[in-house]
């Protein structure tokens, strides 16, 4: 039996209790920081030689050059052919939906011309090259390949470089098949901080990228944080999260399994249920006790629920929305009769799953929107991974003679007010004489 902590939004110290439950230390310890700094500096200095050395050490391989660590594109196609047909079809179906959804996110360049002939606008261009980190070994995340690669391809990224570690030479065909389906351009079997360094700084064999995306362990996350600035990164992701708002009418077994779907990721994952119906909270607790023994990852789920889960009693659905906005969850399920109406009261969430039939798990694989989402309350200021993350914008300014004269007068006044004489004179040269 797993006893889920109960909170009541009416309690005077509710916010304090909630904050304590939400708290999660994402910081790397100093030993991790030192290790990562050393690897980054070494790869930056020695390039391929350092990457090969660390790969042999950490992944228990015996290669002597980077050529042995690149997978030919023909091998991706061969892996796709070996994958179980049903699994391959599922990957292809998911990819089609991801392409269809993300095409709506693509932004085009725009401009307008003022009456005096001055043109203003914005030029939108894709990144040239992107690095995609994919966990390897026993981990199997073909869905992550699709979710990270497809928006980059829709954006028009010219080259997508995938890195995936293969400890003990374990290569997963589904991951390679997904790379083929998504149109990945090059694949290196490297991982850890050394892979991040290779992508960020470039080596003799691995080209430098403009941005690194994709999940990884604490060493990968720490490395991504340290190379930010040399390259862009998607985010520093925390543990997976789900918050379910239920009006009490949804089958409690469904709710319990939705909570499990996040808890089974790892012991730090967080599952929260919010409801105005106390009896419903009791029913979901009973479903958890009944269903947990049937789960393959029962012990991980148990530890996650005990350490970080919460049942929150609220007065009504309006208050449920208020609580959700405080949490700003990665995944939010609105398991209520009128989800569209409640959605209008939600300000912060990575993805919103509306209605009793919309399980969060659909979004992880094949609904269409991206499953790379902000965690640890960062949905207050950030968004899901999308095409816009692989596009950049340049301002366009082209003044006519008349426009330059008009704007120059104002610019001159402001520049001299700031004590920047060269700025002022540069603008004044273009001012027409009266």
Protein backbone atom coordinates (compact mmCIF):
# COMPACT_ATOMS: atom_id res chain seq x y z
CA UNK A 1 0.00 0.00 0.00
CA UNK A 2 1.21 3.50 -0.88
CA UNK A 3 -0.20 6.30 1.20
CA UNK A 4 -0.30 9.49 -0.85
CA UNK A 5 0.17 12.71 1.09
CA UNK A 6 -3.05 14.78 1.28
CA UNK A 7 -3.12 18.56 1.12
CA UNK A 8 -6.10 20.88 1.51
CA UNK A 9 -6.13 24.15 -0.39
CA UNK A 10 -8.21 25.67 2.41
CA UNK A 11 -5.44 25.19 4.97
CA UNK A 12 -3.67 28.35 6.15
CA UNK A 13 -0.25 26.86 5.40
CA UNK A 14 -1.26 25.22 2.11
CA UNK A 15 1.17 27.18 -0.05
CA UNK A 16 4.06 26.32 2.27
CA UNK A 17 3.13 22.63 2.19
CA UNK A 18 2.76 22.70 -1.60
CA UNK A 19 6.11 24.41 -2.08
CA UNK A 20 7.78 21.78 0.08
CA UNK A 21 6.23 19.03 -2.02
CA UNK A 22 7.27 20.68 -5.28
CA UNK A 23 10.85 21.29 -4.15
CA UNK A 24 13.44 19.41 -6.14
CA UNK A 25 17.17 20.00 -6.14
CA UNK A 26 18.32 20.05 -9.75
CA UNK A 27 21.84 21.21 -9.00
CA UNK A 28 24.80 19.01 -9.86
CA UNK A 29 27.18 18.33 -7.00
CA UNK A 30 30.69 19.74 -7.22
CA UNK A 31 32.25 16.42 -8.19
CA UNK A 32 29.97 16.22 -11.25
CA UNK A 33 30.79 19.83 -12.13
CA UNK A 34 34.53 19.20 -11.91
CA UNK A 35 34.33 16.04 -13.98
CA UNK A 36 32.30 17.74 -16.70
CA UNK A 37 34.55 20.81 -16.81
CA UNK A 38 37.59 18.57 -17.27
CA UNK A 39 35.95 16.60 -20.09
CA UNK A 40 34.77 19.73 -21.88
CA UNK A 41 38.22 21.31 -21.73
CA UNK A 42 39.93 18.11 -22.83
CA UNK A 43 37.65 17.58 -25.84
CA UNK A 44 38.03 21.22 -26.81
CA UNK A 45 41.83 20.83 -26.72
CA UNK A 46 42.36 17.33 -28.12
CA UNK A 47 39.26 16.78 -30.26
CA UNK A 48 38.71 13.28 -31.63
CA UNK A 49 41.43 11.71 -29.49
CA UNK A 50 39.72 12.81 -26.28
CA UNK A 51 36.27 11.71 -27.47
CA UNK A 52 37.60 8.24 -28.37
CA UNK A 53 39.39 7.95 -25.03
CA UNK A 54 36.34 8.87 -22.95
CA UNK A 55 34.03 6.71 -25.05
CA UNK A 56 36.25 3.66 -24.53
CA UNK A 57 36.45 4.36 -20.81
CA UNK A 58 32.81 5.11 -20.05
CA UNK A 59 31.09 2.88 -22.62
CA UNK A 60 33.49 -0.06 -22.30
CA UNK A 61 34.54 -0.06 -25.95
CA UNK A 62 37.88 -0.64 -27.66
CA UNK A 63 37.84 1.58 -30.75
CA UNK A 64 40.92 3.45 -31.97
CA UNK A 65 39.42 6.17 -34.16
CA UNK A 66 36.28 8.25 -34.66
CA UNK A 67 35.51 6.47 -37.92
CA UNK A 68 34.51 3.44 -35.87
CA UNK A 69 32.07 5.63 -33.93
CA UNK A 70 30.03 6.88 -36.90
CA UNK A 71 27.09 4.83 -38.15
CA UNK A 72 26.60 4.91 -41.94
CA UNK A 73 23.15 6.01 -43.09
CA UNK A 74 22.80 2.64 -44.79
CA UNK A 75 22.86 1.03 -41.34
CA UNK A 76 19.89 3.17 -40.31
CA UNK A 77 17.89 1.86 -43.25
CA UNK A 78 18.96 -1.70 -42.44
CA UNK A 79 17.83 -1.25 -38.82
CA UNK A 80 14.49 0.09 -40.05
CA UNK A 81 14.06 -3.06 -42.12
CA UNK A 82 14.85 -5.26 -39.10
CA UNK A 83 12.42 -3.60 -36.73
CA UNK A 84 9.15 -5.39 -36.08
CA UNK A 85 6.73 -4.20 -38.81
CA UNK A 86 4.11 -3.12 -36.26
CA UNK A 87 6.69 -1.02 -34.40
CA UNK A 88 7.98 0.50 -37.63
CA UNK A 89 4.46 1.35 -38.73
CA UNK A 90 3.79 2.99 -35.35
CA UNK A 91 6.94 5.12 -35.69
CA UNK A 92 5.96 6.15 -39.21
CA UNK A 93 2.40 6.99 -38.11
CA UNK A 94 3.73 9.10 -35.24
CA UNK A 95 6.18 10.86 -37.57
CA UNK A 96 3.38 11.75 -40.00
CA UNK A 97 1.34 13.31 -37.20
CA UNK A 98 4.35 15.20 -35.86
CA UNK A 99 5.10 16.60 -39.32
CA UNK A 100 1.47 17.64 -39.81
CA UNK A 101 1.31 19.41 -36.44
CA UNK A 102 4.67 21.13 -36.56
CA UNK A 103 4.14 22.53 -40.06
CA UNK A 104 1.59 24.86 -38.47
CA UNK A 105 4.33 26.34 -36.28
CA UNK A 106 6.61 27.43 -39.09
CA UNK A 107 6.96 31.21 -39.21
CA UNK A 108 7.67 33.09 -42.44
CA UNK A 109 9.62 36.29 -43.00
CA UNK A 110 7.57 39.49 -43.15
CA UNK A 111 8.00 43.17 -43.93
CA UNK A 112 6.05 46.35 -44.53
CA UNK A 113 6.86 49.63 -46.27
CA UNK A 114 6.05 52.99 -44.70
CA UNK A 115 4.69 55.98 -46.63
CA UNK A 116 8.16 57.50 -47.12
CA UNK A 117 9.53 54.25 -48.57
CA UNK A 118 11.27 52.93 -45.46
CA UNK A 119 11.07 49.15 -45.23
CA UNK A 120 10.90 47.37 -41.86
CA UNK A 121 10.46 43.69 -41.20
CA UNK A 122 11.89 40.45 -39.99
CA UNK A 123 13.81 37.76 -41.86
CA UNK A 124 13.28 34.25 -40.49
CA UNK A 125 15.96 31.66 -41.22
CA UNK A 126 16.60 28.13 -39.95
CA UNK A 127 19.65 27.16 -37.93
CA UNK A 128 22.40 25.66 -40.09
CA UNK A 129 23.25 22.63 -37.96
CA UNK A 130 21.71 21.04 -34.86
CA UNK A 131 22.96 18.33 -32.52
CA UNK A 132 20.49 15.79 -31.14
CA UNK A 133 21.43 13.89 -27.99
CA UNK A 134 19.65 10.54 -27.55
CA UNK A 135 20.18 8.34 -24.46
CA UNK A 136 21.59 4.92 -25.35
CA UNK A 137 22.42 1.52 -23.97
CA UNK A 138 19.43 -0.15 -22.34
CA UNK A 139 17.38 3.02 -22.68
CA UNK A 140 15.03 2.94 -25.66
CA UNK A 141 13.73 6.35 -26.70
CA UNK A 142 12.85 6.30 -30.42
CA UNK A 143 10.01 8.70 -29.65
CA UNK A 144 12.57 11.23 -28.41
CA UNK A 145 14.38 11.00 -31.75
CA UNK A 146 11.18 11.88 -33.62
CA UNK A 147 10.17 14.66 -31.22
CA UNK A 148 13.52 16.43 -31.44
CA UNK A 149 14.38 15.81 -35.08
CA UNK A 150 11.10 16.49 -36.85
CA UNK A 151 10.58 20.13 -35.78
CA UNK A 152 14.20 20.81 -36.78
CA UNK A 153 13.56 19.33 -40.21
CA UNK A 154 10.30 21.26 -40.60
CA UNK A 155 12.18 24.44 -39.72
CA UNK A 156 14.60 23.72 -42.56
CA UNK A 157 17.74 22.87 -40.57
CA UNK A 158 20.34 21.82 -43.14
CA UNK A 159 22.14 19.19 -41.09
CA UNK A 160 21.04 17.20 -38.05
CA UNK A 161 23.80 15.36 -36.16
CA UNK A 162 22.62 12.66 -33.74
CA UNK A 163 24.79 11.32 -30.93
CA UNK A 164 23.74 8.16 -29.09
CA UNK A 165 26.00 6.22 -26.71
CA UNK A 166 26.26 2.45 -27.19
CA UNK A 167 27.67 1.03 -23.94
CA UNK A 168 28.97 -2.52 -24.44
CA UNK A 169 28.12 -2.09 -28.14
CA UNK A 170 24.39 -2.19 -27.43
CA UNK A 171 22.72 -0.62 -30.45
CA UNK A 172 18.95 -0.25 -30.51
CA UNK A 173 17.33 -0.79 -33.90
CA UNK A 174 14.20 1.21 -33.03
CA UNK A 175 16.32 4.28 -32.26
CA UNK A 176 18.18 3.93 -35.54
CA UNK A 177 14.93 3.32 -37.42
CA UNK A 178 13.46 6.49 -35.92
CA UNK A 179 16.56 8.39 -37.03
CA UNK A 180 16.05 7.14 -40.58
CA UNK A 181 12.36 8.04 -40.54
CA UNK A 182 13.09 11.53 -39.20
CA UNK A 183 15.83 12.21 -41.75
CA UNK A 184 18.83 12.48 -39.42
CA UNK A 185 21.93 13.28 -41.49
CA UNK A 186 24.78 11.81 -39.43
CA UNK A 187 24.95 9.54 -36.36
CA UNK A 188 27.85 9.12 -33.93
CA UNK A 189 27.85 6.47 -31.20
CA UNK A 190 29.14 8.76 -28.48
CA UNK A 191 27.49 10.04 -25.34
CA UNK A 192 27.97 11.82 -22.05
CA UNK A 193 29.70 15.15 -21.55
CA UNK A 194 32.22 14.23 -24.27
CA UNK A 195 29.45 14.09 -26.88
CA UNK A 196 28.08 17.45 -25.77
CA UNK A 197 31.59 18.92 -25.97
CA UNK A 198 32.14 17.49 -29.46
CA UNK A 199 28.90 19.03 -30.69
CA UNK A 200 29.50 22.36 -28.98
CA UNK A 201 33.11 22.91 -30.02
CA UNK A 202 33.54 20.60 -32.98
CA UNK A 203 36.32 18.05 -33.52
CA UNK A 204 38.13 16.74 -36.58
CA UNK A 205 35.19 14.39 -37.22
CA UNK A 206 32.18 15.91 -35.45
CA UNK A 207 31.08 19.25 -36.91
CA UNK A 208 30.26 22.10 -34.55
CA UNK A 209 26.52 22.68 -34.23
CA UNK A 210 24.48 25.79 -33.51
CA UNK A 211 22.18 24.20 -30.95
CA UNK A 212 22.01 21.00 -28.87
CA UNK A 213 18.68 19.39 -28.01
CA UNK A 214 17.61 16.17 -26.36
CA UNK A 215 17.55 14.57 -22.89
CA UNK A 216 20.38 12.98 -20.95
CA UNK A 217 21.68 12.11 -17.50
CA UNK A 218 23.12 14.52 -14.94
CA UNK A 219 26.47 14.68 -16.77
CA UNK A 220 24.78 15.52 -20.05
CA UNK A 221 22.50 18.12 -18.43
CA UNK A 222 25.45 19.71 -16.62
CA UNK A 223 27.50 19.79 -19.83
CA UNK A 224 24.64 21.41 -21.75
CA UNK A 225 24.43 24.11 -19.11
CA UNK A 226 28.17 24.76 -19.31
CA UNK A 227 28.38 25.00 -23.11
CA UNK A 228 25.38 27.32 -23.37
CA UNK A 229 26.61 30.49 -25.00
CA UNK A 230 29.01 28.66 -27.28
CA UNK A 231 25.88 26.98 -28.63
CA UNK A 232 22.19 27.19 -27.90
CA UNK A 233 20.40 24.47 -25.91
CA UNK A 234 16.77 23.49 -25.64
CA UNK A 235 16.42 23.36 -21.83
CA UNK A 236 17.75 21.75 -18.67
CA UNK A 237 15.02 19.22 -18.01
CA UNK A 238 14.00 18.05 -14.56
CA UNK A 239 12.00 14.96 -13.59
CA UNK A 240 8.77 14.17 -15.43
CA UNK A 241 5.56 15.63 -13.97
CA UNK A 242 1.81 15.25 -14.29
CA UNK A 243 -1.01 17.14 -12.62
CA UNK A 244 -4.53 15.79 -13.07
CA UNK A 245 -7.60 17.90 -12.33
CA UNK A 246 -10.58 15.59 -11.92
CA UNK A 247 -14.16 16.57 -11.20
CA UNK A 248 -14.72 13.18 -9.58
CA UNK A 249 -16.59 11.58 -12.47
CA UNK A 250 -13.69 9.86 -14.21
CA UNK A 251 -13.01 6.18 -13.59
CA UNK A 252 -10.52 6.13 -10.67
CA UNK A 253 -8.57 3.30 -12.33
CA UNK A 254 -7.92 5.60 -15.29
CA UNK A 255 -6.67 8.36 -13.02
CA UNK A 256 -4.44 5.98 -11.07
CA UNK A 257 -2.83 4.70 -14.25
CA UNK A 258 -2.33 8.26 -15.54
CA UNK A 259 -0.46 9.05 -12.33
CA UNK A 260 1.58 5.84 -12.74
CA UNK A 261 2.50 6.85 -16.30
CA UNK A 262 4.76 9.57 -14.96
CA UNK A 263 5.82 7.89 -11.72
CA UNK A 264 7.27 4.94 -13.64
CA UNK A 265 9.88 7.20 -15.29
CA UNK A 266 12.01 7.45 -12.16
CA UNK A 267 11.88 7.96 -8.40
CA UNK A 268 12.03 11.77 -8.75
CA UNK A 269 9.00 11.99 -11.06
CA UNK A 270 5.99 13.82 -9.64
CA UNK A 271 2.29 12.91 -9.88
CA UNK A 272 -0.37 15.23 -8.45
CA UNK A 273 -4.15 14.82 -8.36
CA UNK A 274 -6.40 17.81 -7.67
CA UNK A 275 -10.12 17.39 -7.06
CA UNK A 276 -13.02 19.03 -5.18
CA UNK A 277 -14.38 15.53 -4.43
CA UNK A 278 -12.80 13.96 -1.33
CA UNK A 279 -14.53 10.64 -1.98
CA UNK A 280 -12.96 10.57 -5.44
CA UNK A 281 -9.51 11.03 -3.92
CA UNK A 282 -10.24 8.03 -1.70
CA UNK A 283 -11.37 6.01 -4.73
CA UNK A 284 -8.17 6.82 -6.63
CA UNK A 285 -6.13 5.82 -3.59
CA UNK A 286 -7.94 2.48 -3.61
CA UNK A 287 -7.23 2.06 -7.32
CA UNK A 288 -3.55 2.76 -6.73
CA UNK A 289 -3.39 0.06 -4.05
CA UNK A 290 -5.19 -2.37 -6.35
CA UNK A 291 -3.23 -1.68 -9.54
CA UNK A 292 0.30 -1.09 -8.27
CA UNK A 293 1.13 -4.80 -7.77
CA UNK A 294 0.33 -5.38 -11.46
CA UNK A 295 2.95 -2.92 -12.70
CA UNK A 296 6.33 -4.03 -14.07
CA UNK A 297 8.00 -0.96 -12.60
CA UNK A 298 6.07 -1.16 -9.35
CA UNK A 299 8.99 -0.32 -7.06
CA UNK A 300 9.96 2.79 -9.00
CA UNK A 301 6.32 3.91 -9.01
CA UNK A 302 6.02 3.24 -5.29
CA UNK A 303 9.10 5.28 -4.44
CA UNK A 304 8.03 8.15 -6.71
CA UNK A 305 4.53 8.32 -5.21
CA UNK A 306 5.80 8.16 -1.65
CA UNK A 307 8.46 10.81 -2.15
CA UNK A 308 6.77 13.35 -4.43
CA UNK A 309 3.09 12.61 -5.17
CA UNK A 310 0.20 14.58 -3.65
CA UNK A 311 -3.59 14.53 -3.53
CA UNK A 312 -4.97 18.06 -3.20
CA UNK A 313 -8.54 18.79 -2.08
CA UNK A 314 -9.91 22.05 -3.48
CA UNK A 315 -13.22 23.88 -3.09
CA UNK A 316 -14.09 23.82 -6.79
CA UNK A 317 -12.61 23.64 -10.27
CA UNK A 318 -11.77 27.35 -10.25
CA UNK A 319 -9.52 26.77 -7.26
CA UNK A 320 -8.14 23.67 -8.98
CA UNK A 321 -7.04 25.91 -11.85
CA UNK A 322 -5.41 28.30 -9.39
CA UNK A 323 -3.45 25.43 -7.83
CA UNK A 324 -2.41 24.18 -11.25
CA UNK A 325 -1.13 27.62 -12.20
CA UNK A 326 1.06 27.63 -9.09
CA UNK A 327 2.48 24.21 -9.98
CA UNK A 328 2.89 25.07 -13.71
CA UNK A 329 3.09 21.37 -14.55
CA UNK A 330 4.84 19.76 -17.48
CA UNK A 331 1.71 17.70 -18.26
CA UNK A 332 -1.79 18.80 -17.22
CA UNK A 333 -4.83 16.57 -17.61
CA UNK A 334 -8.26 18.20 -17.36
CA UNK A 335 -10.39 15.16 -16.62
CA UNK A 336 -13.63 17.13 -16.37
CA UNK A 337 -16.94 17.47 -18.16
CA UNK A 338 -16.20 20.88 -19.75
CA UNK A 339 -12.42 20.94 -20.35
CA UNK A 340 -12.45 23.76 -22.91
CA UNK A 341 -14.01 26.15 -20.42
CA UNK A 342 -11.48 25.21 -17.75
CA UNK A 343 -8.59 25.58 -20.21
CA UNK A 344 -9.28 29.32 -20.40
CA UNK A 345 -8.32 29.57 -16.72
CA UNK A 346 -5.01 27.76 -17.18
CA UNK A 347 -2.06 30.11 -17.61
CA UNK A 348 0.95 27.84 -17.07
CA UNK A 349 1.34 24.29 -18.39
CA UNK A 350 3.67 22.55 -20.83
CA UNK A 351 0.87 20.57 -22.49
CA UNK A 352 -2.85 20.43 -21.66
CA UNK A 353 -4.74 17.18 -22.20
CA UNK A 354 -8.45 17.93 -22.32
CA UNK A 355 -11.24 15.54 -21.43
CA UNK A 356 -11.54 12.13 -19.81
CA UNK A 357 -10.39 10.22 -22.89
CA UNK A 358 -7.16 12.14 -23.49
CA UNK A 359 -4.44 10.25 -21.66
CA UNK A 360 -1.11 12.05 -21.33
CA UNK A 361 0.59 8.98 -22.79
CA UNK A 362 -0.91 9.81 -26.21
CA UNK A 363 1.08 13.02 -26.21
CA UNK A 364 4.28 11.14 -25.44
CA UNK A 365 4.07 9.19 -28.66
CA UNK A 366 1.69 10.07 -31.41
CA UNK A 367 -0.86 12.84 -30.74
CA UNK A 368 1.18 15.34 -32.76
CA UNK A 369 2.37 18.09 -30.36
CA UNK A 370 5.89 17.79 -29.01
CA UNK A 371 6.61 15.83 -25.84
CA UNK A 372 9.71 17.89 -24.99
CA UNK A 373 8.16 20.15 -22.38
CA UNK A 374 9.21 22.58 -19.64
CA UNK A 375 9.53 21.02 -16.17
CA UNK A 376 10.12 22.20 -12.59
CA UNK A 377 7.70 25.16 -12.89
CA UNK A 378 9.50 26.57 -15.93
CA UNK A 379 6.21 26.44 -17.86
CA UNK A 380 5.65 29.85 -16.24
CA UNK A 381 8.03 31.32 -18.81
CA UNK A 382 8.90 28.70 -21.43
CA UNK A 383 7.18 26.57 -24.04
CA UNK A 384 7.28 23.10 -25.62
CA UNK A 385 10.04 22.38 -28.09
CA UNK A 386 8.88 23.47 -31.52
CA UNK A 387 9.83 24.63 -34.98
CA UNK A 388 10.41 28.12 -33.56
CA UNK A 389 13.34 26.72 -31.53
CA UNK A 390 15.13 25.94 -34.78
CA UNK A 391 14.45 29.26 -36.48
CA UNK A 392 16.06 32.61 -35.75
CA UNK A 393 14.92 36.09 -36.63
CA UNK A 394 16.88 39.02 -38.07
CA UNK A 395 15.41 42.53 -38.06
CA UNK A 396 15.15 44.21 -41.47
CA UNK A 397 15.62 47.99 -41.81
CA UNK A 398 16.00 49.82 -45.12
CA UNK A 399 15.54 53.59 -45.00
CA UNK A 400 14.63 55.76 -47.90
CA UNK A 401 16.43 59.12 -48.09
CA UNK A 402 13.37 60.81 -46.63
CA UNK A 403 13.04 58.18 -43.89
CA UNK A 404 16.72 58.43 -42.95
CA UNK A 405 16.40 62.18 -42.61
CA UNK A 406 13.30 61.94 -40.46
CA UNK A 407 14.62 59.19 -38.19
CA UNK A 408 18.06 60.76 -38.07
CA UNK A 409 16.77 63.86 -36.32
CA UNK A 410 15.29 61.83 -33.49
CA UNK A 411 18.28 59.50 -33.29
CA UNK A 412 20.61 62.50 -33.07
CA UNK A 413 18.76 63.98 -30.12
CA UNK A 414 18.70 60.67 -28.23
CA UNK A 415 22.35 59.82 -29.03
CA UNK A 416 23.61 63.22 -27.84
CA UNK A 417 21.51 62.80 -24.72
CA UNK A 418 23.42 59.59 -24.05
CA UNK A 419 26.77 61.22 -24.79
CA UNK A 420 27.40 59.07 -27.88
CA UNK A 421 28.59 61.67 -30.38
CA UNK A 422 29.60 59.25 -33.12
CA UNK A 423 26.14 57.75 -33.07
CA UNK A 424 24.63 61.22 -33.42
CA UNK A 425 26.92 62.34 -36.24
CA UNK A 426 26.42 59.06 -38.12
CA UNK A 427 22.68 59.73 -38.13
CA UNK A 428 23.11 63.45 -38.86
CA UNK A 429 25.09 62.80 -42.06
CA UNK A 430 21.84 61.43 -43.55
CA UNK A 431 19.67 64.38 -42.57
CA UNK A 432 18.56 66.47 -45.52
CA UNK A 433 19.22 70.17 -45.40
CA UNK A 434 16.12 72.34 -45.10
